[in-house]
Amino acid sequence: MGRRSICRRSAILMRFAAKYAGVAYRDFCLRPECKTAAMIACARDFGLDWVTVLSDPYSEARAFGLEVRYPEDSLPQNTTPLIRDIEMASTVLSFRVRGEAGVC
């Protein structure tokens, strides 16, 4: 059985997808249905064989308490750092993954 080459096209299109689909980037970031529709439109129209539904780092940081401002059509911006001075750095807890040595 011979080998055959498969050409796959993929890309992380976040801001492009929002603009292409006519979705404000704020809605793209905050409304899963807007993100999904924009990504599916790009996959369909540009022959991509997969879509990404990544969240952006700001969404993840926001879930941990970072204050984030979402302008209409620009990148998210943090408004207040979580660690404001060196003393606050000592309050940060280590992240440990289950299965890591010494973690149950």
N, C-alpha and C. Protein backbone atom coordinates (compact mmCIF):
# COMPACT_ATOMS: atom_id res chain seq x y z
N MET A 1 0.85 -1.17 0.00
CA MET A 1 0.00 0.00 0.00
C MET A 1 0.90 1.24 0.00
N GLY A 2 0.71 2.11 -0.94
CA GLY A 2 1.54 3.31 -1.07
C GLY A 2 1.09 4.43 -0.15
N ARG A 3 2.00 5.31 0.11
CA ARG A 3 1.68 6.49 0.94
C ARG A 3 1.08 7.56 0.06
N ARG A 4 0.19 8.31 0.62
CA ARG A 4 -0.33 9.45 -0.12
C ARG A 4 -0.22 10.70 0.75
N SER A 5 -0.04 11.78 0.09
CA SER A 5 0.11 13.05 0.79
C SER A 5 -1.26 13.67 1.03
N ILE A 6 -1.47 14.17 2.22
CA ILE A 6 -2.72 14.84 2.55
C ILE A 6 -2.38 16.28 2.91
N CYS A 7 -2.97 17.19 2.21
CA CYS A 7 -2.75 18.61 2.49
C CYS A 7 -3.85 19.08 3.42
N ARG A 8 -3.48 19.56 4.57
CA ARG A 8 -4.46 20.09 5.52
C ARG A 8 -4.16 21.55 5.76
N ARG A 9 -5.19 22.36 5.77
CA ARG A 9 -5.04 23.78 6.02
C ARG A 9 -5.65 24.12 7.37
N SER A 10 -4.90 24.82 8.17
CA SER A 10 -5.44 25.25 9.45
C SER A 10 -4.75 26.56 9.85
N ALA A 11 -5.38 27.27 10.72
CA ALA A 11 -4.81 28.53 11.20
C ALA A 11 -5.56 28.99 12.44
N ILE A 12 -4.91 29.80 13.22
CA ILE A 12 -5.57 30.47 14.33
C ILE A 12 -5.97 31.85 13.80
N LEU A 13 -7.24 32.05 13.65
CA LEU A 13 -7.76 33.19 12.90
C LEU A 13 -8.50 34.23 13.73
N MET A 14 -8.42 34.20 14.99
CA MET A 14 -9.34 34.91 15.88
C MET A 14 -9.77 36.30 15.39
N ARG A 15 -8.88 37.27 15.32
CA ARG A 15 -9.29 38.63 14.92
C ARG A 15 -9.75 38.67 13.47
N PHE A 16 -9.07 37.93 12.61
CA PHE A 16 -9.49 37.89 11.21
C PHE A 16 -10.89 37.32 11.09
N ALA A 17 -11.15 36.23 11.80
CA ALA A 17 -12.47 35.59 11.72
C ALA A 17 -13.57 36.53 12.18
N ALA A 18 -13.33 37.26 13.24
CA ALA A 18 -14.34 38.21 13.73
C ALA A 18 -14.63 39.26 12.68
N LYS A 19 -13.58 39.83 12.12
CA LYS A 19 -13.77 40.87 11.10
C LYS A 19 -14.44 40.29 9.86
N TYR A 20 -14.00 39.13 9.43
CA TYR A 20 -14.57 38.49 8.23
C TYR A 20 -16.07 38.24 8.40
N ALA A 21 -16.46 37.81 9.59
CA ALA A 21 -17.87 37.48 9.84
C ALA A 21 -18.69 38.70 10.26
N GLY A 22 -18.04 39.87 10.38
CA GLY A 22 -18.77 41.07 10.77
C GLY A 22 -19.18 41.08 12.23
N VAL A 23 -18.35 40.45 13.06
CA VAL A 23 -18.63 40.34 14.50
C VAL A 23 -17.68 41.27 15.25
N ALA A 24 -18.18 42.09 16.14
CA ALA A 24 -17.31 42.91 16.98
C ALA A 24 -16.39 41.98 17.77
N TYR A 25 -15.12 42.36 17.88
CA TYR A 25 -14.18 41.46 18.56
C TYR A 25 -14.57 41.23 20.01
N ARG A 26 -15.18 42.23 20.65
CA ARG A 26 -15.66 42.04 22.01
C ARG A 26 -16.66 40.88 22.06
N ASP A 27 -17.60 40.85 21.11
CA ASP A 27 -18.58 39.76 21.07
C ASP A 27 -17.92 38.43 20.74
N PHE A 28 -16.92 38.48 19.86
CA PHE A 28 -16.18 37.27 19.52
C PHE A 28 -15.55 36.67 20.78
N CYS A 29 -15.00 37.53 21.64
CA CYS A 29 -14.34 37.06 22.87
C CYS A 29 -15.33 36.61 23.94
N LEU A 30 -16.46 37.30 24.05
CA LEU A 30 -17.35 37.08 25.18
C LEU A 30 -18.58 36.23 24.88
N ARG A 31 -18.91 36.04 23.62
CA ARG A 31 -20.12 35.30 23.27
C ARG A 31 -19.76 34.07 22.43
N PRO A 32 -19.79 32.89 23.04
CA PRO A 32 -19.39 31.67 22.32
C PRO A 32 -20.11 31.47 21.00
N GLU A 33 -21.38 31.87 20.92
CA GLU A 33 -22.12 31.66 19.67
C GLU A 33 -21.57 32.55 18.55
N CYS A 34 -21.05 33.73 18.89
CA CYS A 34 -20.44 34.61 17.88
C CYS A 34 -19.11 34.04 17.41
N LYS A 35 -18.32 33.57 18.36
CA LYS A 35 -17.03 32.97 18.02
C LYS A 35 -17.23 31.75 17.13
N THR A 36 -18.15 30.90 17.51
CA THR A 36 -18.40 29.68 16.75
C THR A 36 -18.86 29.99 15.33
N ALA A 37 -19.80 30.91 15.18
CA ALA A 37 -20.31 31.26 13.85
C ALA A 37 -19.20 31.83 12.98
N ALA A 38 -18.35 32.68 13.54
CA ALA A 38 -17.26 33.28 12.77
C ALA A 38 -16.25 32.22 12.34
N MET A 39 -15.91 31.33 13.24
CA MET A 39 -14.93 30.29 12.91
C MET A 39 -15.49 29.31 11.87
N ILE A 40 -16.75 28.97 11.98
CA ILE A 40 -17.36 28.06 11.00
C ILE A 40 -17.42 28.74 9.63
N ALA A 41 -17.74 30.03 9.59
CA ALA A 41 -17.78 30.75 8.31
C ALA A 41 -16.40 30.73 7.64
N CYS A 42 -15.34 30.94 8.40
CA CYS A 42 -13.99 30.90 7.82
C CYS A 42 -13.64 29.50 7.34
N ALA A 43 -13.97 28.49 8.13
CA ALA A 43 -13.68 27.12 7.71
C ALA A 43 -14.39 26.79 6.41
N ARG A 44 -15.64 27.16 6.33
CA ARG A 44 -16.44 26.89 5.13
C ARG A 44 -15.91 27.67 3.92
N ASP A 45 -15.68 28.95 4.08
CA ASP A 45 -15.34 29.81 2.95
C ASP A 45 -13.89 29.70 2.49
N PHE A 46 -13.01 29.25 3.39
CA PHE A 46 -11.59 29.16 3.02
C PHE A 46 -11.09 27.72 2.96
N GLY A 47 -12.00 26.75 3.03
CA GLY A 47 -11.63 25.35 2.87
C GLY A 47 -10.79 24.79 4.00
N LEU A 48 -10.96 25.31 5.21
CA LEU A 48 -10.24 24.77 6.36
C LEU A 48 -10.91 23.49 6.80
N ASP A 49 -10.13 22.54 7.27
CA ASP A 49 -10.73 21.28 7.68
C ASP A 49 -10.90 21.15 9.19
N TRP A 50 -10.78 22.26 9.88
CA TRP A 50 -11.08 22.27 11.31
C TRP A 50 -11.32 23.71 11.75
N VAL A 51 -11.94 23.85 12.89
CA VAL A 51 -12.14 25.17 13.47
C VAL A 51 -11.54 25.17 14.88
N THR A 52 -11.11 26.33 15.31
CA THR A 52 -10.64 26.43 16.68
C THR A 52 -11.71 27.15 17.48
N VAL A 53 -11.86 26.77 18.67
CA VAL A 53 -12.75 27.47 19.58
C VAL A 53 -11.96 27.82 20.85
N LEU A 54 -10.73 28.26 20.61
CA LEU A 54 -9.86 28.65 21.72
C LEU A 54 -10.45 29.82 22.48
N SER A 55 -10.15 29.89 23.73
CA SER A 55 -10.43 31.14 24.43
C SER A 55 -9.14 31.94 24.38
N ASP A 56 -9.24 33.21 24.60
CA ASP A 56 -8.02 34.01 24.63
C ASP A 56 -7.49 34.03 26.06
N PRO A 57 -6.22 34.33 26.25
CA PRO A 57 -5.64 34.33 27.60
C PRO A 57 -6.36 35.28 28.56
N TYR A 58 -6.94 36.36 28.03
CA TYR A 58 -7.65 37.29 28.91
C TYR A 58 -8.90 36.65 29.49
N SER A 59 -9.60 35.85 28.70
CA SER A 59 -10.78 35.16 29.22
C SER A 59 -10.40 34.24 30.37
N GLU A 60 -9.30 33.54 30.17
CA GLU A 60 -8.84 32.62 31.21
C GLU A 60 -8.38 33.38 32.45
N ALA A 61 -7.62 34.45 32.26
CA ALA A 61 -7.16 35.25 33.39
C ALA A 61 -8.33 35.90 34.12
N ARG A 62 -9.34 36.31 33.36
CA ARG A 62 -10.54 36.92 33.95
C ARG A 62 -11.23 35.94 34.89
N ALA A 63 -11.22 34.66 34.52
CA ALA A 63 -11.82 33.63 35.37
C ALA A 63 -11.10 33.52 36.71
N PHE A 64 -9.84 33.96 36.75
CA PHE A 64 -9.06 33.92 37.99
C PHE A 64 -9.04 35.27 38.69
N GLY A 65 -9.83 36.24 38.21
CA GLY A 65 -9.97 37.50 38.92
C GLY A 65 -9.38 38.73 38.28
N LEU A 66 -8.69 38.59 37.14
CA LEU A 66 -8.15 39.77 36.48
C LEU A 66 -9.29 40.65 35.97
N GLU A 67 -9.18 41.95 36.19
CA GLU A 67 -10.18 42.88 35.66
C GLU A 67 -9.81 43.19 34.22
N VAL A 68 -10.74 42.90 33.31
CA VAL A 68 -10.47 43.04 31.88
C VAL A 68 -11.50 43.96 31.25
N ARG A 69 -11.03 44.84 30.37
CA ARG A 69 -11.91 45.69 29.58
C ARG A 69 -11.89 45.15 28.16
N TYR A 70 -13.05 45.02 27.57
CA TYR A 70 -13.19 44.53 26.21
C TYR A 70 -13.67 45.65 25.30
N PRO A 71 -12.75 46.36 24.62
CA PRO A 71 -13.18 47.39 23.68
C PRO A 71 -13.99 46.76 22.55
N GLU A 72 -14.79 47.56 21.88
CA GLU A 72 -15.66 47.06 20.80
C GLU A 72 -14.91 46.25 19.75
N ASP A 73 -13.86 46.81 19.19
CA ASP A 73 -13.16 46.13 18.10
C ASP A 73 -11.64 46.19 18.25
N SER A 74 -11.18 45.89 19.45
CA SER A 74 -9.74 45.87 19.70
C SER A 74 -9.45 44.72 20.66
N LEU A 75 -8.20 44.51 20.93
CA LEU A 75 -7.82 43.44 21.84
C LEU A 75 -8.23 43.76 23.27
N PRO A 76 -8.54 42.73 24.05
CA PRO A 76 -8.86 42.96 25.47
C PRO A 76 -7.67 43.61 26.19
N GLN A 77 -7.99 44.31 27.27
CA GLN A 77 -6.96 45.00 28.05
C GLN A 77 -7.21 44.76 29.53
N ASN A 78 -6.12 44.43 30.26
CA ASN A 78 -6.30 44.31 31.70
C ASN A 78 -6.29 45.72 32.29
N THR A 79 -7.17 45.94 33.25
CA THR A 79 -7.30 47.28 33.83
C THR A 79 -6.58 47.40 35.17
N THR A 80 -6.42 46.31 35.86
CA THR A 80 -5.76 46.32 37.16
C THR A 80 -4.94 45.04 37.30
N PRO A 81 -3.64 45.14 37.46
CA PRO A 81 -2.83 43.93 37.64
C PRO A 81 -3.24 43.16 38.89
N LEU A 82 -3.21 41.85 38.82
CA LEU A 82 -3.53 41.05 40.01
C LEU A 82 -2.46 41.20 41.08
N ILE A 83 -1.22 41.34 40.67
CA ILE A 83 -0.12 41.53 41.61
C ILE A 83 0.34 42.97 41.47
N ARG A 84 0.05 43.78 42.47
CA ARG A 84 0.30 45.22 42.38
C ARG A 84 1.63 45.65 42.98
N ASP A 85 2.21 44.79 43.85
CA ASP A 85 3.50 45.13 44.44
C ASP A 85 4.20 43.84 44.85
N ILE A 86 5.45 43.95 45.24
CA ILE A 86 6.27 42.77 45.54
C ILE A 86 5.71 41.96 46.70
N GLU A 87 5.07 42.62 47.66
CA GLU A 87 4.51 41.89 48.79
C GLU A 87 3.37 40.95 48.35
N MET A 88 2.61 41.39 47.37
CA MET A 88 1.51 40.56 46.88
C MET A 88 2.01 39.29 46.18
N ALA A 89 3.23 39.31 45.67
CA ALA A 89 3.78 38.15 44.97
C ALA A 89 3.83 36.93 45.88
N SER A 90 4.03 37.14 47.18
CA SER A 90 4.13 36.02 48.12
C SER A 90 2.78 35.34 48.33
N THR A 91 1.69 35.97 47.90
CA THR A 91 0.37 35.37 48.08
C THR A 91 -0.02 34.44 46.92
N VAL A 92 0.80 34.41 45.88
CA VAL A 92 0.48 33.56 44.72
C VAL A 92 0.74 32.11 45.07
N LEU A 93 -0.25 31.28 44.84
CA LEU A 93 -0.13 29.86 45.12
C LEU A 93 0.48 29.13 43.93
N SER A 94 1.24 28.10 44.20
CA SER A 94 1.81 27.28 43.13
C SER A 94 0.71 26.46 42.49
N PHE A 95 0.80 26.31 41.19
CA PHE A 95 -0.15 25.47 40.46
C PHE A 95 0.44 24.08 40.37
N ARG A 96 -0.31 23.10 40.79
CA ARG A 96 0.18 21.72 40.73
C ARG A 96 -0.81 20.88 39.96
N VAL A 97 -0.29 20.00 39.16
CA VAL A 97 -1.11 19.12 38.34
C VAL A 97 -1.22 17.78 39.01
N ARG A 98 -2.43 17.25 39.07
CA ARG A 98 -2.65 15.92 39.64
C ARG A 98 -1.76 14.92 38.89
N GLY A 99 -1.11 14.05 39.62
CA GLY A 99 -0.23 13.09 39.00
C GLY A 99 1.23 13.55 39.02
N GLU A 100 1.44 14.83 39.30
CA GLU A 100 2.80 15.36 39.42
C GLU A 100 3.38 14.76 40.70
N ALA A 101 4.67 14.57 40.74
CA ALA A 101 5.30 13.96 41.91
C ALA A 101 4.85 14.63 43.19
N GLY A 102 4.36 13.85 44.12
CA GLY A 102 3.95 14.37 45.42
C GLY A 102 2.55 14.96 45.46
N VAL A 103 1.81 14.90 44.37
CA VAL A 103 0.44 15.44 44.34
C VAL A 103 -0.52 14.29 44.15
N CYS A 104 -1.54 14.23 45.00
CA CYS A 104 -2.54 13.15 44.89
C CYS A 104 -3.75 13.62 44.12
